[in-house]
Each structure stands twice: as structure tokens, then as C-alpha cells.
Amino acid sequence: MSFAPTYSEVAQYFHSISKLNVRVGKVDSTVQKALGQRFAVRAYPSFFLVSGSTVYEYDGDRTKTALIDFASGGYKSGEVG
């Protein structure tokens, strides 16, 4: 099952609600090898949230709702990801 449609939905959600100030991007770490090493990418797809100088790796369900919840603040509680 491809993750691309879910990823697109998450990106569209955050790009349509600018007040949340969440930017979504994707990187091919087989091409951008330095970023893959910096974030210690071990599997694909991998998800990271960068807040200031802190990086949070997400390891929860790969659903639109779960990813939106994580990026909207769930990463702060440590309950998700």
C-alpha cells in the first residue's frame, strides 16, 4: 500500500491552515544522503517533526488523523510517536 495519498492529504491539510504554522516537506534520503544520516533514517517512509533545535521521530499509525494529531502538538506529550 502506498503512503503517497495519505502524505498528500496531510500536506494539503497543513498548507490550507496557515495559523497552525506547520510546514510539510518530503526528502528522498537516497538522494539527500546527508539529511538521511543527520536524522538517522532507518526505514521508509520515516517521519520527523523539527521544533527549533529539537527533532521528534514519529513511529505511530500511518493515518492522516494520527499524523495530523502528532504534528499539531501530540509530539509534545510523548503519547504519540
N, C-alpha and C. Protein backbone atom coordinates (compact mmCIF):
# COMPACT_ATOMS: atom_id res chain seq x y z
N MET A 1 0.84 -1.18 0.00
CA MET A 1 0.00 0.00 0.00
C MET A 1 0.89 1.25 0.00
N SER A 2 0.59 2.15 -0.86
CA SER A 2 1.38 3.38 -0.99
C SER A 2 0.96 4.40 0.06
N PHE A 3 1.96 5.05 0.62
CA PHE A 3 1.69 6.09 1.61
C PHE A 3 1.45 7.45 0.95
N ALA A 4 1.78 7.58 -0.33
CA ALA A 4 1.72 8.86 -1.04
C ALA A 4 0.37 9.58 -0.91
N PRO A 5 -0.77 8.91 -1.06
CA PRO A 5 -2.05 9.63 -0.92
C PRO A 5 -2.26 10.22 0.48
N THR A 6 -1.90 9.47 1.51
CA THR A 6 -2.05 9.96 2.88
C THR A 6 -1.13 11.15 3.11
N TYR A 7 0.10 11.03 2.65
CA TYR A 7 1.06 12.13 2.77
C TYR A 7 0.52 13.39 2.12
N SER A 8 -0.04 13.26 0.93
CA SER A 8 -0.60 14.42 0.21
C SER A 8 -1.74 15.05 0.99
N GLU A 9 -2.59 14.24 1.59
CA GLU A 9 -3.70 14.75 2.38
C GLU A 9 -3.21 15.51 3.61
N VAL A 10 -2.20 14.99 4.28
CA VAL A 10 -1.63 15.66 5.45
C VAL A 10 -1.01 17.00 5.03
N ALA A 11 -0.26 16.99 3.95
CA ALA A 11 0.36 18.22 3.46
C ALA A 11 -0.71 19.25 3.08
N GLN A 12 -1.74 18.84 2.38
CA GLN A 12 -2.82 19.76 1.99
C GLN A 12 -3.51 20.34 3.22
N TYR A 13 -3.72 19.51 4.22
CA TYR A 13 -4.37 19.98 5.45
C TYR A 13 -3.56 21.11 6.08
N PHE A 14 -2.29 20.88 6.30
CA PHE A 14 -1.47 21.90 6.96
C PHE A 14 -1.22 23.12 6.08
N HIS A 15 -1.10 22.94 4.81
CA HIS A 15 -0.88 24.08 3.93
C HIS A 15 -2.13 24.94 3.80
N SER A 16 -3.31 24.36 4.08
CA SER A 16 -4.55 25.13 3.99
C SER A 16 -4.88 25.87 5.29
N ILE A 17 -4.19 25.56 6.38
CA ILE A 17 -4.45 26.19 7.67
C ILE A 17 -3.14 26.84 8.15
N SER A 18 -2.87 28.01 7.64
CA SER A 18 -1.58 28.66 7.92
C SER A 18 -1.39 29.03 9.38
N LYS A 19 -2.48 29.24 10.14
CA LYS A 19 -2.33 29.63 11.55
C LYS A 19 -1.67 28.53 12.39
N LEU A 20 -1.69 27.29 11.92
CA LEU A 20 -1.04 26.20 12.66
C LEU A 20 0.48 26.25 12.51
N ASN A 21 0.96 26.93 11.49
CA ASN A 21 2.39 27.13 11.27
C ASN A 21 3.16 25.81 11.20
N VAL A 22 2.58 24.83 10.51
CA VAL A 22 3.24 23.54 10.28
C VAL A 22 3.54 23.45 8.80
N ARG A 23 4.78 23.21 8.48
CA ARG A 23 5.20 23.05 7.09
C ARG A 23 5.54 21.59 6.86
N VAL A 24 5.07 21.04 5.76
CA VAL A 24 5.28 19.64 5.44
C VAL A 24 6.19 19.57 4.22
N GLY A 25 7.19 18.74 4.30
CA GLY A 25 8.09 18.54 3.17
C GLY A 25 8.51 17.09 3.11
N LYS A 26 8.99 16.71 1.96
CA LYS A 26 9.49 15.34 1.86
C LYS A 26 10.87 15.37 1.22
N VAL A 27 11.67 14.43 1.65
CA VAL A 27 13.06 14.33 1.21
C VAL A 27 13.33 12.89 0.82
N ASP A 28 13.99 12.70 -0.28
CA ASP A 28 14.45 11.38 -0.68
C ASP A 28 15.87 11.23 -0.14
N SER A 29 16.00 10.50 0.95
CA SER A 29 17.32 10.41 1.59
C SER A 29 18.28 9.50 0.84
N THR A 30 17.81 8.84 -0.22
CA THR A 30 18.75 8.13 -1.07
C THR A 30 19.45 9.11 -1.99
N VAL A 31 18.85 10.30 -2.17
CA VAL A 31 19.46 11.37 -2.96
C VAL A 31 20.12 12.38 -2.02
N GLN A 32 19.40 12.79 -0.99
CA GLN A 32 19.91 13.74 0.01
C GLN A 32 20.51 12.95 1.17
N LYS A 33 21.63 12.32 0.91
CA LYS A 33 22.24 11.40 1.87
C LYS A 33 22.63 12.05 3.19
N ALA A 34 23.05 13.31 3.15
CA ALA A 34 23.43 14.00 4.39
C ALA A 34 22.24 14.13 5.33
N LEU A 35 21.06 14.42 4.79
CA LEU A 35 19.87 14.52 5.65
C LEU A 35 19.49 13.15 6.20
N GLY A 36 19.62 12.13 5.37
CA GLY A 36 19.33 10.78 5.85
C GLY A 36 20.23 10.39 7.00
N GLN A 37 21.49 10.77 6.92
CA GLN A 37 22.42 10.48 8.01
C GLN A 37 22.14 11.34 9.23
N ARG A 38 21.86 12.61 9.01
CA ARG A 38 21.60 13.53 10.12
C ARG A 38 20.42 13.07 10.97
N PHE A 39 19.38 12.56 10.30
CA PHE A 39 18.19 12.13 11.02
C PHE A 39 18.17 10.62 11.28
N ALA A 40 19.24 9.95 10.94
CA ALA A 40 19.38 8.50 11.17
C ALA A 40 18.19 7.72 10.62
N VAL A 41 17.85 8.00 9.37
CA VAL A 41 16.74 7.31 8.72
C VAL A 41 17.08 5.84 8.59
N ARG A 42 16.19 5.01 9.14
CA ARG A 42 16.41 3.56 9.13
C ARG A 42 15.39 2.83 8.27
N ALA A 43 14.28 3.48 7.97
CA ALA A 43 13.21 2.84 7.20
C ALA A 43 12.47 3.90 6.39
N TYR A 44 11.74 3.42 5.41
CA TYR A 44 10.96 4.34 4.56
C TYR A 44 9.50 3.92 4.59
N PRO A 45 8.56 4.83 4.72
CA PRO A 45 8.80 6.24 5.00
C PRO A 45 9.09 6.48 6.47
N SER A 46 9.84 7.51 6.77
CA SER A 46 10.13 7.95 8.13
C SER A 46 9.58 9.36 8.29
N PHE A 47 9.15 9.69 9.50
CA PHE A 47 8.55 11.00 9.74
C PHE A 47 9.21 11.67 10.92
N PHE A 48 9.56 12.91 10.73
CA PHE A 48 10.22 13.69 11.77
C PHE A 48 9.54 15.04 11.89
N LEU A 49 9.46 15.54 13.10
CA LEU A 49 8.97 16.88 13.35
C LEU A 49 10.14 17.65 13.96
N VAL A 50 10.44 18.79 13.37
CA VAL A 50 11.53 19.63 13.87
C VAL A 50 10.91 20.85 14.50
N SER A 51 11.20 21.06 15.77
CA SER A 51 10.70 22.22 16.51
C SER A 51 11.91 22.91 17.14
N GLY A 52 12.30 24.02 16.54
CA GLY A 52 13.52 24.68 17.00
C GLY A 52 14.70 23.78 16.71
N SER A 53 15.44 23.43 17.73
CA SER A 53 16.58 22.54 17.54
C SER A 53 16.28 21.11 17.98
N THR A 54 15.03 20.84 18.34
CA THR A 54 14.64 19.50 18.79
C THR A 54 13.96 18.75 17.65
N VAL A 55 14.32 17.49 17.50
CA VAL A 55 13.74 16.63 16.46
C VAL A 55 12.98 15.50 17.13
N TYR A 56 11.74 15.29 16.70
CA TYR A 56 10.90 14.21 17.21
C TYR A 56 10.64 13.23 16.07
N GLU A 57 10.91 11.97 16.31
CA GLU A 57 10.62 10.95 15.30
C GLU A 57 9.27 10.34 15.60
N TYR A 58 8.46 10.22 14.59
CA TYR A 58 7.12 9.64 14.71
C TYR A 58 7.18 8.16 14.40
N ASP A 59 6.55 7.35 15.26
CA ASP A 59 6.51 5.92 14.98
C ASP A 59 5.13 5.32 15.21
N GLY A 60 4.11 6.17 15.13
CA GLY A 60 2.73 5.71 15.33
C GLY A 60 2.09 5.24 14.04
N ASP A 61 0.76 5.15 14.08
CA ASP A 61 -0.01 4.73 12.92
C ASP A 61 0.21 5.68 11.75
N ARG A 62 0.24 5.13 10.57
CA ARG A 62 0.45 5.93 9.35
C ARG A 62 -0.89 6.38 8.77
N THR A 63 -1.71 7.00 9.62
CA THR A 63 -3.00 7.50 9.16
C THR A 63 -2.97 9.03 9.13
N LYS A 64 -3.83 9.59 8.33
CA LYS A 64 -3.91 11.05 8.23
C LYS A 64 -4.19 11.65 9.60
N THR A 65 -5.16 11.13 10.31
CA THR A 65 -5.54 11.68 11.61
C THR A 65 -4.40 11.59 12.61
N ALA A 66 -3.72 10.45 12.68
CA ALA A 66 -2.63 10.27 13.64
C ALA A 66 -1.47 11.22 13.34
N LEU A 67 -1.13 11.39 12.07
CA LEU A 67 -0.03 12.28 11.70
C LEU A 67 -0.39 13.74 11.98
N ILE A 68 -1.62 14.12 11.70
CA ILE A 68 -2.06 15.49 11.98
C ILE A 68 -2.04 15.75 13.48
N ASP A 69 -2.52 14.80 14.27
CA ASP A 69 -2.51 14.96 15.73
C ASP A 69 -1.07 15.10 16.26
N PHE A 70 -0.17 14.29 15.75
CA PHE A 70 1.22 14.36 16.16
C PHE A 70 1.82 15.73 15.85
N ALA A 71 1.65 16.19 14.63
CA ALA A 71 2.25 17.46 14.20
C ALA A 71 1.55 18.67 14.82
N SER A 72 0.30 18.50 15.22
CA SER A 72 -0.45 19.61 15.82
C SER A 72 -0.14 19.80 17.30
N GLY A 73 0.69 18.96 17.86
CA GLY A 73 1.06 19.13 19.25
C GLY A 73 1.21 17.84 20.02
N GLY A 74 0.77 16.73 19.45
CA GLY A 74 0.88 15.44 20.13
C GLY A 74 2.31 15.06 20.43
N TYR A 75 3.23 15.56 19.63
CA TYR A 75 4.65 15.25 19.86
C TYR A 75 5.12 15.79 21.20
N LYS A 76 4.46 16.83 21.73
CA LYS A 76 4.87 17.44 23.00
C LYS A 76 4.58 16.53 24.18
N SER A 77 3.52 15.76 24.10
CA SER A 77 3.10 14.94 25.23
C SER A 77 3.88 13.64 25.33
N GLY A 78 4.48 13.24 24.23
CA GLY A 78 5.19 11.97 24.23
C GLY A 78 4.26 10.80 24.12
N GLU A 79 2.95 11.04 24.03
CA GLU A 79 1.98 9.95 23.93
C GLU A 79 1.93 9.37 22.53
N VAL A 80 2.25 10.16 21.55
CA VAL A 80 2.21 9.73 20.16
C VAL A 80 3.60 9.84 19.60
N GLY A 81 4.01 8.86 18.81
CA GLY A 81 5.30 8.95 18.14
C GLY A 81 6.42 8.38 18.94
